[in-house]
PDB file of all heavy atoms in Angstrom:
ATOM      1  N   PHE A   1       0.847  -1.201   0.035  1.00  0.00           N
ATOM      2  CA  PHE A   1      -0.017   0.008   0.028  1.00  0.00           C
ATOM      3  C   PHE A   1       0.873   1.248  -0.012  1.00  0.00           C
ATOM      4  O   PHE A   1       0.632   2.175  -0.775  1.00  0.00           O
ATOM      5  CB  PHE A   1      -0.915   0.012   1.223  1.00  0.00           C
ATOM      6  CG  PHE A   1      -1.789   1.219   1.323  1.00  0.00           C
ATOM      7  CD1 PHE A   1      -3.083   1.212   0.780  1.00  0.00           C
ATOM      8  CD2 PHE A   1      -1.337   2.391   1.913  1.00  0.00           C
ATOM      9  CE1 PHE A   1      -3.900   2.325   0.890  1.00  0.00           C
ATOM     10  CE2 PHE A   1      -2.136   3.533   2.002  1.00  0.00           C
ATOM     11  CZ  PHE A   1      -3.418   3.488   1.488  1.00  0.00           C
ATOM     12  N   SER A   2       1.865   1.284   0.860  1.00  0.00           N
ATOM     13  CA  SER A   2       2.736   2.483   0.971  1.00  0.00           C
ATOM     14  C   SER A   2       3.432   2.738  -0.323  1.00  0.00           C
ATOM     15  O   SER A   2       3.502   3.909  -0.821  1.00  0.00           O
ATOM     16  CB  SER A   2       3.767   2.243   2.085  1.00  0.00           C
ATOM     17  OG  SER A   2       4.634   3.347   2.175  1.00  0.00           O
ATOM     18  N   ASN A   3       3.956   1.703  -0.953  1.00  0.00           N
ATOM     19  CA  ASN A   3       4.705   1.882  -2.212  1.00  0.00           C
ATOM     20  C   ASN A   3       3.799   2.386  -3.349  1.00  0.00           C
ATOM     21  O   ASN A   3       4.117   3.284  -4.097  1.00  0.00           O
ATOM     22  CB  ASN A   3       5.392   0.591  -2.634  1.00  0.00           C
ATOM     23  CG  ASN A   3       6.464   0.158  -1.686  1.00  0.00           C
ATOM     24  OD1 ASN A   3       7.038   0.999  -1.020  1.00  0.00           O
ATOM     25  ND2 ASN A   3       6.754  -1.121  -1.665  1.00  0.00           N
ATOM     26  N   VAL A   4       2.595   1.773  -3.430  1.00  0.00           N
ATOM     27  CA  VAL A   4       1.659   2.162  -4.456  1.00  0.00           C
ATOM     28  C   VAL A   4       1.131   3.567  -4.196  1.00  0.00           C
ATOM     29  O   VAL A   4       0.912   4.374  -5.190  1.00  0.00           O
ATOM     30  CB  VAL A   4       0.489   1.157  -4.580  1.00  0.00           C
ATOM     31  CG1 VAL A   4      -0.538   1.579  -5.617  1.00  0.00           C
ATOM     32  CG2 VAL A   4       1.074  -0.243  -4.956  1.00  0.00           C
ATOM     33  N   ASP A   5       0.879   3.860  -2.958  1.00  0.00           N
ATOM     34  CA  ASP A   5       0.323   5.210  -2.651  1.00  0.00           C
ATOM     35  C   ASP A   5       1.316   6.321  -3.082  1.00  0.00           C
ATOM     36  O   ASP A   5       0.860   7.345  -3.646  1.00  0.00           O
ATOM     37  CB  ASP A   5       0.087   5.313  -1.116  1.00  0.00           C
ATOM     38  CG  ASP A   5      -0.659   6.576  -0.738  1.00  0.00           C
ATOM     39  OD1 ASP A   5      -1.718   6.851  -1.333  1.00  0.00           O
ATOM     40  OD2 ASP A   5      -0.161   7.319   0.117  1.00  0.00           O
ATOM     41  N   LYS A   6       2.589   6.146  -2.864  1.00  0.00           N
ATOM     42  CA  LYS A   6       3.581   7.175  -3.268  1.00  0.00           C
ATOM     43  C   LYS A   6       3.531   7.380  -4.765  1.00  0.00           C
ATOM     44  O   LYS A   6       3.553   8.475  -5.228  1.00  0.00           O
ATOM     45  CB  LYS A   6       4.963   6.715  -2.830  1.00  0.00           C
ATOM     46  CG  LYS A   6       5.219   6.735  -1.324  1.00  0.00           C
ATOM     47  CD  LYS A   6       6.557   6.161  -0.984  1.00  0.00           C
ATOM     48  CE  LYS A   6       6.761   6.112   0.533  1.00  0.00           C
ATOM     49  NZ  LYS A   6       8.078   5.468   0.896  1.00  0.00           N
ATOM     50  N   ALA A   7       3.430   6.298  -5.509  1.00  0.00           N
ATOM     51  CA  ALA A   7       3.409   6.391  -6.991  1.00  0.00           C
ATOM     52  C   ALA A   7       2.087   7.057  -7.438  1.00  0.00           C
ATOM     53  O   ALA A   7       2.067   7.866  -8.335  1.00  0.00           O
ATOM     54  CB  ALA A   7       3.574   5.047  -7.640  1.00  0.00           C
ATOM     55  N   SER A   8       0.988   6.687  -6.830  1.00  0.00           N
ATOM     56  CA  SER A   8      -0.340   7.208  -7.196  1.00  0.00           C
ATOM     57  C   SER A   8      -0.439   8.712  -6.913  1.00  0.00           C
ATOM     58  O   SER A   8      -0.961   9.487  -7.669  1.00  0.00           O
ATOM     59  CB  SER A   8      -1.467   6.462  -6.515  1.00  0.00           C
ATOM     60  OG  SER A   8      -1.483   5.105  -6.883  1.00  0.00           O
ATOM     61  N   VAL A   9       0.090   9.077  -5.731  1.00  0.00           N
ATOM     62  CA  VAL A   9       0.058  10.520  -5.366  1.00  0.00           C
ATOM     63  C   VAL A   9       0.950  11.341  -6.349  1.00  0.00           C
ATOM     64  O   VAL A   9       0.555  12.449  -6.763  1.00  0.00           O
ATOM     65  CB  VAL A   9       0.494  10.698  -3.914  1.00  0.00           C
ATOM     66  CG1 VAL A   9       0.719  12.168  -3.587  1.00  0.00           C
ATOM     67  CG2 VAL A   9      -0.539  10.097  -2.957  1.00  0.00           C
ATOM     68  N   ALA A  10       2.087  10.756  -6.664  1.00  0.00           N
ATOM     69  CA  ALA A  10       3.003  11.462  -7.584  1.00  0.00           C
ATOM     70  C   ALA A  10       2.372  11.694  -8.915  1.00  0.00           C
ATOM     71  O   ALA A  10       2.529  12.741  -9.544  1.00  0.00           O
ATOM     72  CB  ALA A  10       4.309  10.668  -7.730  1.00  0.00           C
ATOM     73  N   GLY A  11       1.568  10.715  -9.411  1.00  0.00           N
ATOM     74  CA  GLY A  11       0.916  10.839 -10.739  1.00  0.00           C
ATOM     75  C   GLY A  11      -0.480  11.388 -10.651  1.00  0.00           C
ATOM     76  O   GLY A  11      -1.123  11.529 -11.647  1.00  0.00           O
ATOM     77  N   LYS A  12      -0.976  11.622  -9.386  1.00  0.00           N
ATOM     78  CA  LYS A  12      -2.339  12.077  -9.161  1.00  0.00           C
ATOM     79  C   LYS A  12      -3.386  11.123  -9.811  1.00  0.00           C
ATOM     80  O   LYS A  12      -4.289  11.541 -10.468  1.00  0.00           O
ATOM     81  CB  LYS A  12      -2.556  13.489  -9.635  1.00  0.00           C
ATOM     82  CG  LYS A  12      -1.767  14.509  -8.816  1.00  0.00           C
ATOM     83  CD  LYS A  12      -2.145  15.915  -9.058  1.00  0.00           C
ATOM     84  CE  LYS A  12      -1.422  16.874  -8.120  1.00  0.00           C
ATOM     85  NZ  LYS A  12      -1.808  18.310  -8.330  1.00  0.00           N
ATOM     86  N   ASN A  13      -3.143   9.806  -9.550  1.00  0.00           N
ATOM     87  CA  ASN A  13      -4.028   8.745 -10.028  1.00  0.00           C
ATOM     88  C   ASN A  13      -4.628   8.026  -8.840  1.00  0.00           C
ATOM     89  O   ASN A  13      -4.110   8.061  -7.718  1.00  0.00           O
ATOM     90  CB  ASN A  13      -3.274   7.788 -10.932  1.00  0.00           C
ATOM     91  CG  ASN A  13      -2.822   8.428 -12.247  1.00  0.00           C
ATOM     92  OD1 ASN A  13      -3.634   8.992 -12.934  1.00  0.00           O
ATOM     93  ND2 ASN A  13      -1.529   8.336 -12.531  1.00  0.00           N
ATOM     94  N   ILE A  14      -5.691   7.218  -9.142  1.00  0.00           N
ATOM     95  CA  ILE A  14      -6.303   6.401  -8.063  1.00  0.00           C
ATOM     96  C   ILE A  14      -5.766   4.958  -8.268  1.00  0.00           C
ATOM     97  O   ILE A  14      -5.714   4.451  -9.454  1.00  0.00           O
ATOM     98  CB  ILE A  14      -7.860   6.385  -8.294  1.00  0.00           C
ATOM     99  CG1 ILE A  14      -8.439   7.628  -7.649  1.00  0.00           C
ATOM    100  CG2 ILE A  14      -8.520   5.148  -7.636  1.00  0.00           C
ATOM    101  CD1 ILE A  14      -8.501   7.630  -6.143  1.00  0.00           C
ATOM    102  N   SER A  15      -5.465   4.333  -7.192  1.00  0.00           N
ATOM    103  CA  SER A  15      -5.169   2.869  -7.222  1.00  0.00           C
ATOM    104  C   SER A  15      -5.931   2.223  -6.123  1.00  0.00           C
ATOM    105  O   SER A  15      -6.144   2.787  -5.040  1.00  0.00           O
ATOM    106  CB  SER A  15      -3.636   2.649  -7.016  1.00  0.00           C
ATOM    107  OG  SER A  15      -3.179   3.316  -5.853  1.00  0.00           O
ATOM    108  N   ILE A  16      -6.432   0.990  -6.383  1.00  0.00           N
ATOM    109  CA  ILE A  16      -7.115   0.206  -5.374  1.00  0.00           C
ATOM    110  C   ILE A  16      -6.411  -1.146  -5.354  1.00  0.00           C
ATOM    111  O   ILE A  16      -6.408  -1.860  -6.363  1.00  0.00           O
ATOM    112  CB  ILE A  16      -8.631   0.060  -5.669  1.00  0.00           C
ATOM    113  CG1 ILE A  16      -9.295   1.422  -5.974  1.00  0.00           C
ATOM    114  CG2 ILE A  16      -9.317  -0.592  -4.516  1.00  0.00           C
ATOM    115  CD1 ILE A  16     -10.736   1.321  -6.345  1.00  0.00           C
ATOM    116  N   ILE A  17      -5.849  -1.506  -4.232  1.00  0.00           N
ATOM    117  CA  ILE A  17      -5.086  -2.764  -4.151  1.00  0.00           C
ATOM    118  C   ILE A  17      -5.805  -3.817  -3.333  1.00  0.00           C
ATOM    119  O   ILE A  17      -6.765  -3.525  -2.590  1.00  0.00           O
ATOM    120  CB  ILE A  17      -3.682  -2.517  -3.488  1.00  0.00           C
ATOM    121  CG1 ILE A  17      -3.817  -2.057  -2.028  1.00  0.00           C
ATOM    122  CG2 ILE A  17      -2.894  -1.480  -4.323  1.00  0.00           C
ATOM    123  CD1 ILE A  17      -2.602  -2.323  -1.188  1.00  0.00           C
ATOM    124  N   SER A  18      -5.335  -5.054  -3.479  1.00  0.00           N
ATOM    125  CA  SER A  18      -5.800  -6.202  -2.693  1.00  0.00           C
ATOM    126  C   SER A  18      -7.353  -6.384  -2.831  1.00  0.00           C
ATOM    127  O   SER A  18      -8.072  -6.592  -1.883  1.00  0.00           O
ATOM    128  CB  SER A  18      -5.425  -6.057  -1.244  1.00  0.00           C
ATOM    129  OG  SER A  18      -4.044  -5.979  -1.128  1.00  0.00           O
ATOM    130  N   VAL A  19      -7.803  -6.292  -4.112  1.00  0.00           N
ATOM    131  CA  VAL A  19      -9.225  -6.453  -4.416  1.00  0.00           C
ATOM    132  C   VAL A  19      -9.472  -7.922  -4.794  1.00  0.00           C
ATOM    133  O   VAL A  19      -8.760  -8.483  -5.615  1.00  0.00           O
ATOM    134  CB  VAL A  19      -9.596  -5.514  -5.585  1.00  0.00           C
ATOM    135  CG1 VAL A  19     -11.004  -5.797  -6.058  1.00  0.00           C
ATOM    136  CG2 VAL A  19      -9.437  -4.045  -5.154  1.00  0.00           C
ATOM    137  N   GLY A  20     -10.514  -8.503  -4.237  1.00  0.00           N
ATOM    138  CA  GLY A  20     -10.864  -9.902  -4.559  1.00  0.00           C
ATOM    139  C   GLY A  20     -11.883 -10.332  -3.482  1.00  0.00           C
ATOM    140  O   GLY A  20     -12.674  -9.568  -2.991  1.00  0.00           O
ATOM    141  N   TRP A  21     -11.765 -11.629  -3.105  1.00  0.00           N
ATOM    142  CA  TRP A  21     -12.710 -12.067  -2.054  1.00  0.00           C
ATOM    143  C   TRP A  21     -11.991 -12.296  -0.744  1.00  0.00           C
ATOM    144  O   TRP A  21     -12.591 -12.170   0.337  1.00  0.00           O
ATOM    145  CB  TRP A  21     -13.531 -13.265  -2.554  1.00  0.00           C
ATOM    146  CG  TRP A  21     -12.816 -14.495  -2.970  1.00  0.00           C
ATOM    147  CD1 TRP A  21     -12.288 -14.742  -4.217  1.00  0.00           C
ATOM    148  CD2 TRP A  21     -12.536 -15.687  -2.165  1.00  0.00           C
ATOM    149  NE1 TRP A  21     -11.737 -16.017  -4.208  1.00  0.00           N
ATOM    150  CE2 TRP A  21     -11.840 -16.585  -2.961  1.00  0.00           C
ATOM    151  CE3 TRP A  21     -12.800 -15.998  -0.851  1.00  0.00           C
ATOM    152  CZ2 TRP A  21     -11.412 -17.845  -2.495  1.00  0.00           C
ATOM    153  CZ3 TRP A  21     -12.399 -17.288  -0.338  1.00  0.00           C
ATOM    154  CH2 TRP A  21     -11.713 -18.176  -1.173  1.00  0.00           C
ATOM    155  N   ASP A  22     -10.694 -12.646  -0.779  1.00  0.00           N
ATOM    156  CA  ASP A  22      -9.937 -12.616   0.504  1.00  0.00           C
ATOM    157  C   ASP A  22      -8.433 -12.538   0.095  1.00  0.00           C
ATOM    158  O   ASP A  22      -7.836 -13.527  -0.289  1.00  0.00           O
ATOM    159  CB  ASP A  22     -10.206 -13.875   1.309  1.00  0.00           C
ATOM    160  CG  ASP A  22      -9.769 -13.678   2.771  1.00  0.00           C
ATOM    161  OD1 ASP A  22      -9.273 -12.580   3.089  1.00  0.00           O
ATOM    162  OD2 ASP A  22      -9.965 -14.562   3.619  1.00  0.00           O
ATOM    163  N   PRO A  23      -7.872 -11.345   0.263  1.00  0.00           N
ATOM    164  CA  PRO A  23      -8.446 -10.091   0.782  1.00  0.00           C
ATOM    165  C   PRO A  23      -9.458  -9.483  -0.135  1.00  0.00           C
ATOM    166  O   PRO A  23      -9.437  -9.722  -1.370  1.00  0.00           O
ATOM    167  CB  PRO A  23      -7.236  -9.169   0.901  1.00  0.00           C
ATOM    168  CG  PRO A  23      -6.256  -9.657  -0.126  1.00  0.00           C
ATOM    169  CD  PRO A  23      -6.431 -11.141  -0.174  1.00  0.00           C
ATOM    170  N   GLY A  24     -10.375  -8.755   0.456  1.00  0.00           N
ATOM    171  CA  GLY A  24     -11.430  -8.094  -0.350  1.00  0.00           C
ATOM    172  C   GLY A  24     -12.764  -8.192   0.370  1.00  0.00           C
ATOM    173  O   GLY A  24     -12.982  -7.669   1.450  1.00  0.00           O
ATOM    174  N   LEU A  25     -13.711  -8.997  -0.203  1.00  0.00           N
ATOM    175  CA  LEU A  25     -15.043  -9.100   0.358  1.00  0.00           C
ATOM    176  C   LEU A  25     -15.007  -9.699   1.769  1.00  0.00           C
ATOM    177  O   LEU A  25     -15.787  -9.232   2.639  1.00  0.00           O
ATOM    178  CB  LEU A  25     -15.912  -9.947  -0.577  1.00  0.00           C
ATOM    179  CG  LEU A  25     -16.088  -9.385  -2.001  1.00  0.00           C
ATOM    180  CD1 LEU A  25     -17.064 -10.269  -2.746  1.00  0.00           C
ATOM    181  CD2 LEU A  25     -16.570  -7.971  -1.997  1.00  0.00           C
ATOM    182  N   PHE A  26     -14.164 -10.677   1.959  1.00  0.00           N
ATOM    183  CA  PHE A  26     -14.051 -11.279   3.311  1.00  0.00           C
ATOM    184  C   PHE A  26     -13.550 -10.249   4.292  1.00  0.00           C
ATOM    185  O   PHE A  26     -13.933 -10.190   5.452  1.00  0.00           O
ATOM    186  CB  PHE A  26     -13.192 -12.505   3.278  1.00  0.00           C
ATOM    187  CG  PHE A  26     -13.904 -13.801   2.976  1.00  0.00           C
ATOM    188  CD1 PHE A  26     -15.132 -13.807   2.334  1.00  0.00           C
ATOM    189  CD2 PHE A  26     -13.324 -15.048   3.242  1.00  0.00           C
ATOM    190  CE1 PHE A  26     -15.791 -14.973   2.029  1.00  0.00           C
ATOM    191  CE2 PHE A  26     -13.975 -16.227   2.915  1.00  0.00           C
ATOM    192  CZ  PHE A  26     -15.185 -16.188   2.304  1.00  0.00           C
ATOM    193  N   SER A  27     -12.585  -9.426   3.872  1.00  0.00           N
ATOM    194  CA  SER A  27     -12.015  -8.379   4.725  1.00  0.00           C
ATOM    195  C   SER A  27     -13.149  -7.399   5.190  1.00  0.00           C
ATOM    196  O   SER A  27     -13.222  -7.032   6.367  1.00  0.00           O
ATOM    197  CB  SER A  27     -10.949  -7.596   3.959  1.00  0.00           C
ATOM    198  OG  SER A  27     -10.019  -8.437   3.356  1.00  0.00           O
ATOM    199  N   LEU A  28     -13.986  -7.040   4.233  1.00  0.00           N
ATOM    200  CA  LEU A  28     -15.152  -6.126   4.557  1.00  0.00           C
ATOM    201  C   LEU A  28     -16.011  -6.777   5.608  1.00  0.00           C
ATOM    202  O   LEU A  28     -16.506  -6.114   6.542  1.00  0.00           O
ATOM    203  CB  LEU A  28     -15.918  -5.839   3.293  1.00  0.00           C
ATOM    204  CG  LEU A  28     -15.347  -4.774   2.347  1.00  0.00           C
ATOM    205  CD1 LEU A  28     -16.190  -4.728   1.081  1.00  0.00           C
ATOM    206  CD2 LEU A  28     -15.323  -3.414   3.023  1.00  0.00           C
ATOM    207  N   ASN A  29     -16.308  -8.067   5.414  1.00  0.00           N
ATOM    208  CA  ASN A  29     -17.191  -8.690   6.402  1.00  0.00           C
ATOM    209  C   ASN A  29     -16.557  -8.872   7.756  1.00  0.00           C
ATOM    210  O   ASN A  29     -17.273  -8.824   8.774  1.00  0.00           O
ATOM    211  CB  ASN A  29     -17.689 -10.029   5.781  1.00  0.00           C
ATOM    212  CG  ASN A  29     -18.793  -9.807   4.781  1.00  0.00           C
ATOM    213  OD1 ASN A  29     -19.959  -9.734   5.125  1.00  0.00           O
ATOM    214  ND2 ASN A  29     -18.413  -9.692   3.490  1.00  0.00           N
ATOM    215  N   ARG A  30     -15.262  -9.073   7.810  1.00  0.00           N
ATOM    216  CA  ARG A  30     -14.605  -9.097   9.119  1.00  0.00           C
ATOM    217  C   ARG A  30     -14.700  -7.703   9.764  1.00  0.00           C
ATOM    218  O   ARG A  30     -14.952  -7.621  10.985  1.00  0.00           O
ATOM    219  CB  ARG A  30     -13.127  -9.505   8.976  1.00  0.00           C
ATOM    220  CG  ARG A  30     -12.942 -11.029   8.651  1.00  0.00           C
ATOM    221  CD  ARG A  30     -11.497 -11.428   8.730  1.00  0.00           C
ATOM    222  NE  ARG A  30     -10.747 -11.013   7.557  1.00  0.00           N
ATOM    223  CZ  ARG A  30     -10.515 -11.783   6.494  1.00  0.00           C
ATOM    224  NH1 ARG A  30     -11.033 -13.031   6.413  1.00  0.00           N
ATOM    225  NH2 ARG A  30      -9.806 -11.379   5.434  1.00  0.00           N
ATOM    226  N   LEU A  31     -14.550  -6.644   8.974  1.00  0.00           N
ATOM    227  CA  LEU A  31     -14.665  -5.274   9.484  1.00  0.00           C
ATOM    228  C   LEU A  31     -16.063  -5.039  10.020  1.00  0.00           C
ATOM    229  O   LEU A  31     -16.246  -4.509  11.150  1.00  0.00           O
ATOM    230  CB  LEU A  31     -14.292  -4.281   8.403  1.00  0.00           C
ATOM    231  CG  LEU A  31     -14.286  -2.805   8.790  1.00  0.00           C
ATOM    232  CD1 LEU A  31     -13.288  -2.058   7.879  1.00  0.00           C
ATOM    233  CD2 LEU A  31     -15.656  -2.139   8.696  1.00  0.00           C
ATOM    234  N   TYR A  32     -17.063  -5.359   9.207  1.00  0.00           N
ATOM    235  CA  TYR A  32     -18.485  -5.150   9.656  1.00  0.00           C
ATOM    236  C   TYR A  32     -18.757  -5.911  10.943  1.00  0.00           C
ATOM    237  O   TYR A  32     -19.383  -5.389  11.855  1.00  0.00           O
ATOM    238  CB  TYR A  32     -19.452  -5.642   8.575  1.00  0.00           C
ATOM    239  CG  TYR A  32     -19.581  -4.750   7.387  1.00  0.00           C
ATOM    240  CD1 TYR A  32     -19.580  -5.258   6.120  1.00  0.00           C
ATOM    241  CD2 TYR A  32     -19.653  -3.370   7.513  1.00  0.00           C
ATOM    242  CE1 TYR A  32     -19.699  -4.422   4.975  1.00  0.00           C
ATOM    243  CE2 TYR A  32     -19.800  -2.508   6.413  1.00  0.00           C
ATOM    244  CZ  TYR A  32     -19.760  -3.073   5.146  1.00  0.00           C
ATOM    245  OH  TYR A  32     -19.890  -2.233   4.016  1.00  0.00           O
ATOM    246  N   GLY A  33     -18.291  -7.160  10.999  1.00  0.00           N
ATOM    247  CA  GLY A  33     -18.532  -7.951  12.175  1.00  0.00           C
ATOM    248  C   GLY A  33     -17.914  -7.383  13.445  1.00  0.00           C
ATOM    249  O   GLY A  33     -18.587  -7.312  14.492  1.00  0.00           O
ATOM    250  N   GLN A  34     -16.695  -6.899  13.320  1.00  0.00           N
ATOM    251  CA  GLN A  34     -16.020  -6.353  14.502  1.00  0.00           C
ATOM    252  C   GLN A  34     -16.688  -5.050  14.952  1.00  0.00           C
ATOM    253  O   GLN A  34     -16.822  -4.731  16.148  1.00  0.00           O
ATOM    254  CB  GLN A  34     -14.528  -6.101  14.234  1.00  0.00           C
ATOM    255  CG  GLN A  34     -13.714  -7.364  14.152  1.00  0.00           C
ATOM    256  CD  GLN A  34     -12.247  -7.120  13.857  1.00  0.00           C
ATOM    257  OE1 GLN A  34     -11.788  -5.966  14.036  1.00  0.00           O
ATOM    258  NE2 GLN A  34     -11.551  -8.161  13.483  1.00  0.00           N
ATOM    259  N   ALA A  35     -17.103  -4.190  13.942  1.00  0.00           N
ATOM    260  CA  ALA A  35     -17.737  -2.937  14.264  1.00  0.00           C
ATOM    261  C   ALA A  35     -19.098  -3.128  14.925  1.00  0.00           C
ATOM    262  O   ALA A  35     -19.478  -2.393  15.864  1.00  0.00           O
ATOM    263  CB  ALA A  35     -17.877  -2.110  12.997  1.00  0.00           C
ATOM    264  N   ILE A  36     -19.848  -4.133  14.472  1.00  0.00           N
ATOM    265  CA  ILE A  36     -21.208  -4.332  14.937  1.00  0.00           C
ATOM    266  C   ILE A  36     -21.230  -5.145  16.270  1.00  0.00           C
ATOM    267  O   ILE A  36     -22.073  -4.843  17.137  1.00  0.00           O
ATOM    268  CB  ILE A  36     -22.074  -5.048  13.876  1.00  0.00           C
ATOM    269  CG1 ILE A  36     -22.203  -4.123  12.635  1.00  0.00           C
ATOM    270  CG2 ILE A  36     -23.424  -5.472  14.430  1.00  0.00           C
ATOM    271  CD1 ILE A  36     -22.653  -4.855  11.384  1.00  0.00           C
ATOM    272  N   LEU A  37     -20.342  -6.110  16.390  1.00  0.00           N
ATOM    273  CA  LEU A  37     -20.265  -6.961  17.595  1.00  0.00           C
ATOM    274  C   LEU A  37     -18.878  -6.862  18.186  1.00  0.00           C
ATOM    275  O   LEU A  37     -18.070  -7.731  18.058  1.00  0.00           O
ATOM    276  CB  LEU A  37     -20.607  -8.387  17.220  1.00  0.00           C
ATOM    277  CG  LEU A  37     -22.032  -8.706  16.785  1.00  0.00           C
ATOM    278  CD1 LEU A  37     -22.151 -10.156  16.377  1.00  0.00           C
ATOM    279  CD2 LEU A  37     -23.054  -8.356  17.870  1.00  0.00           C
ATOM    280  N   PRO A  38     -18.577  -5.733  18.843  1.00  0.00           N
ATOM    281  CA  PRO A  38     -17.245  -5.591  19.432  1.00  0.00           C
ATOM    282  C   PRO A  38     -16.889  -6.622  20.515  1.00  0.00           C
ATOM    283  O   PRO A  38     -15.700  -6.954  20.728  1.00  0.00           O
ATOM    284  CB  PRO A  38     -17.238  -4.205  20.041  1.00  0.00           C
ATOM    285  CG  PRO A  38     -18.655  -3.824  20.187  1.00  0.00           C
ATOM    286  CD  PRO A  38     -19.425  -4.539  19.144  1.00  0.00           C
ATOM    287  N   GLN A  39     -17.921  -7.203  21.147  1.00  0.00           N
ATOM    288  CA  GLN A  39     -17.728  -8.264  22.118  1.00  0.00           C
ATOM    289  C   GLN A  39     -17.844  -9.577  21.359  1.00  0.00           C
ATOM    290  O   GLN A  39     -18.986 -10.130  21.275  1.00  0.00           O
ATOM    291  CB  GLN A  39     -18.701  -8.173  23.256  1.00  0.00           C
ATOM    292  CG  GLN A  39     -18.535  -6.982  24.156  1.00  0.00           C
ATOM    293  CD  GLN A  39     -17.271  -7.099  25.011  1.00  0.00           C
ATOM    294  OE1 GLN A  39     -16.301  -6.447  24.711  1.00  0.00           O
ATOM    295  NE2 GLN A  39     -17.309  -7.935  26.024  1.00  0.00           N
ATOM    296  N   GLY A  40     -16.797 -10.070  20.746  1.00  0.00           N
ATOM    297  CA  GLY A  40     -16.952 -11.322  19.943  1.00  0.00           C
ATOM    298  C   GLY A  40     -15.626 -11.805  19.413  1.00  0.00           C
ATOM    299  O   GLY A  40     -14.567 -11.317  19.791  1.00  0.00           O
ATOM    300  N   HIS A  41     -15.767 -12.771  18.495  1.00  0.00           N
ATOM    301  CA  HIS A  41     -14.620 -13.433  17.914  1.00  0.00           C
ATOM    302  C   HIS A  41     -14.807 -13.575  16.400  1.00  0.00           C
ATOM    303  O   HIS A  41     -15.935 -13.865  15.965  1.00  0.00           O
ATOM    304  CB  HIS A  41     -14.390 -14.819  18.542  1.00  0.00           C
ATOM    305  CG  HIS A  41     -14.056 -14.797  19.966  1.00  0.00           C
ATOM    306  ND1 HIS A  41     -15.031 -14.650  20.959  1.00  0.00           N
ATOM    307  CD2 HIS A  41     -12.820 -14.826  20.648  1.00  0.00           C
ATOM    308  CE1 HIS A  41     -14.402 -14.660  22.175  1.00  0.00           C
ATOM    309  NE2 HIS A  41     -13.142 -14.787  22.003  1.00  0.00           N
ATOM    310  N   ASP A  42     -13.710 -13.427  15.654  1.00  0.00           N
ATOM    311  CA  ASP A  42     -13.727 -13.687  14.204  1.00  0.00           C
ATOM    312  C   ASP A  42     -13.358 -15.133  13.900  1.00  0.00           C
ATOM    313  O   ASP A  42     -12.456 -15.703  14.548  1.00  0.00           O
ATOM    314  CB  ASP A  42     -12.707 -12.787  13.524  1.00  0.00           C
ATOM    315  CG  ASP A  42     -13.126 -11.317  13.473  1.00  0.00           C
ATOM    316  OD1 ASP A  42     -14.300 -11.065  13.460  1.00  0.00           O
ATOM    317  OD2 ASP A  42     -12.206 -10.478  13.510  1.00  0.00           O
TER     318      ASP A  42
END
């Protein structure tokens, strides 16, 4: 992320990394789960 961000900022472009289902959609669902049920386990 850090390496790509430096290049994207320099060129004023958008980059989205680690897109897929894991990492990606599964990552989102882990985030939602922790945010909604802070007393719990993944």
